[in-house]
Amino acid sequence: MPSDPTSRALRDILHHIDLAESFVEGLDRETFKADLRAFYAVTRCLEIISEASRRLPNELKARHSAISWKQMADAVNVYRHDYEDVAAQLVWETVQQSLPPLKVVVETEIRRLGA
């Protein structure tokens, strides 16, 4: 039986991946970098994804060791406290490179839990 906190965290992550993807849809890197609304919206999605990842059990994370769970969890501190250093380029790369494999893992775990 899936635990409610795990299921909620997975669904929060999936929802915010979907939002981030929708915020960059149709944009290229340069357009994204110039679009402050998209940048701020995607950064907020990444904050929530980061925070929700902290609520996932270690056993789940161990099943998917290709995901940089610690780096993902630590990213929220950069977004919140070193916000002047959050570069649009890094946010763009995160959406393009890190979110797709994370989405596959999250969808797999949701199916696994029957959540």
Protein backbone atom coordinates (compact mmCIF):
# COMPACT_ATOMS: atom_id res chain seq x y z
CA MET A 1 0.00 0.00 0.00
CA PRO A 2 1.51 3.34 -0.98
CA SER A 3 2.21 5.77 1.79
CA ASP A 4 0.35 9.03 1.49
CA PRO A 5 3.45 11.23 1.95
CA THR A 6 5.37 9.34 -0.75
CA SER A 7 2.46 9.41 -3.16
CA ARG A 8 1.89 13.13 -2.51
CA ALA A 9 5.57 13.93 -3.02
CA LEU A 10 5.68 11.98 -6.29
CA ARG A 11 2.54 13.68 -7.56
CA ASP A 12 3.86 17.11 -6.54
CA ILE A 13 7.09 16.43 -8.43
CA LEU A 14 5.24 15.21 -11.52
CA HIS A 15 2.86 18.17 -11.48
CA HIS A 16 5.70 20.67 -11.27
CA ILE A 17 7.72 18.93 -13.97
CA ASP A 18 4.66 19.22 -16.21
CA LEU A 19 4.29 22.91 -15.30
CA ALA A 20 7.97 23.64 -15.95
CA GLU A 21 7.74 21.91 -19.31
CA SER A 22 4.66 23.95 -20.20
CA PHE A 23 6.37 27.21 -19.21
CA VAL A 24 9.25 26.56 -21.63
CA GLU A 25 7.14 25.08 -24.41
CA GLY A 26 7.86 26.82 -27.70
CA LEU A 27 10.84 28.73 -26.28
CA ASP A 28 14.45 28.33 -27.22
CA ARG A 29 17.25 28.97 -24.73
CA GLU A 30 17.75 32.62 -25.65
CA THR A 31 14.04 33.42 -25.56
CA PHE A 32 13.74 31.70 -22.20
CA LYS A 33 16.69 33.65 -20.79
CA ALA A 34 15.02 36.90 -21.87
CA ASP A 35 11.57 35.95 -20.51
CA LEU A 36 11.61 36.84 -16.81
CA ARG A 37 8.14 35.42 -16.21
CA ALA A 38 9.08 32.02 -17.60
CA PHE A 39 12.39 32.08 -15.73
CA TYR A 40 10.75 32.85 -12.40
CA ALA A 41 7.92 30.37 -12.96
CA VAL A 42 10.30 27.54 -13.84
CA THR A 43 12.60 28.40 -10.94
CA ARG A 44 9.62 28.15 -8.57
CA CYS A 45 8.74 24.75 -10.05
CA LEU A 46 12.30 23.58 -9.44
CA GLU A 47 12.12 24.80 -5.83
CA ILE A 48 8.99 22.72 -5.25
CA ILE A 49 10.49 19.68 -7.00
CA SER A 50 13.59 20.02 -4.84
CA GLU A 51 11.60 20.29 -1.63
CA ALA A 52 9.29 17.39 -2.53
CA SER A 53 12.27 15.18 -3.36
CA ARG A 54 13.37 15.47 0.27
CA ARG A 55 10.18 13.65 1.31
CA LEU A 56 10.89 10.57 -0.78
CA PRO A 57 12.07 7.48 1.09
CA ASN A 58 15.68 6.36 0.74
CA GLU A 59 14.57 2.98 -0.65
CA LEU A 60 12.93 4.70 -3.61
CA LYS A 61 16.00 6.84 -4.22
CA ALA A 62 18.23 3.76 -4.05
CA ARG A 63 16.20 2.10 -6.82
CA HIS A 64 17.04 5.04 -9.09
CA SER A 65 20.65 5.85 -8.34
CA ALA A 66 21.14 7.54 -11.74
CA ILE A 67 19.13 10.49 -10.40
CA SER A 68 21.20 13.03 -8.44
CA TRP A 69 18.86 13.07 -5.44
CA LYS A 70 21.22 14.94 -3.09
CA GLN A 71 21.99 17.60 -5.67
CA MET A 72 18.26 17.95 -6.36
CA ALA A 73 17.43 18.33 -2.66
CA ASP A 74 20.25 20.81 -2.12
CA ALA A 75 19.21 22.94 -5.10
CA VAL A 76 16.38 24.53 -3.12
CA ASN A 77 18.97 26.31 -0.98
CA VAL A 78 20.50 27.87 -4.07
CA TYR A 79 17.11 28.95 -5.40
CA ARG A 80 16.09 30.50 -2.09
CA HIS A 81 19.31 31.86 -0.64
CA ASP A 82 21.68 32.40 -3.55
CA TYR A 83 19.00 33.62 -5.90
CA GLU A 84 21.27 36.25 -7.41
CA ASP A 85 23.47 33.39 -8.63
CA VAL A 86 20.63 31.43 -10.23
CA ALA A 87 21.45 31.67 -13.89
CA ALA A 88 18.80 31.24 -16.54
CA GLN A 89 21.24 29.00 -18.41
CA LEU A 90 21.42 26.57 -15.46
CA VAL A 91 17.64 26.56 -15.05
CA TRP A 92 17.23 25.93 -18.79
CA GLU A 93 19.69 23.03 -18.72
CA THR A 94 17.95 21.53 -15.69
CA VAL A 95 14.61 21.55 -17.49
CA GLN A 96 16.07 20.17 -20.71
CA GLN A 97 18.46 17.57 -19.27
CA SER A 98 17.46 16.63 -15.73
CA LEU A 99 13.67 16.76 -15.72
CA PRO A 100 12.98 14.22 -18.50
CA PRO A 101 14.74 11.29 -16.75
CA LEU A 102 13.27 12.37 -13.41
CA LYS A 103 9.80 12.36 -14.96
CA VAL A 104 10.30 8.77 -16.15
CA VAL A 105 11.34 7.71 -12.63
CA VAL A 106 8.42 9.50 -10.99
CA GLU A 107 5.88 8.01 -13.41
CA THR A 108 7.41 4.56 -12.86
CA GLU A 109 7.16 4.92 -9.09
CA ILE A 110 3.59 6.20 -9.23
CA ARG A 111 2.63 3.12 -11.27
CA ARG A 112 4.63 0.87 -8.92
CA LEU A 113 2.78 2.25 -5.91
CA GLY A 114 -0.55 2.10 -7.68
CA ALA A 115 -0.96 5.71 -6.60
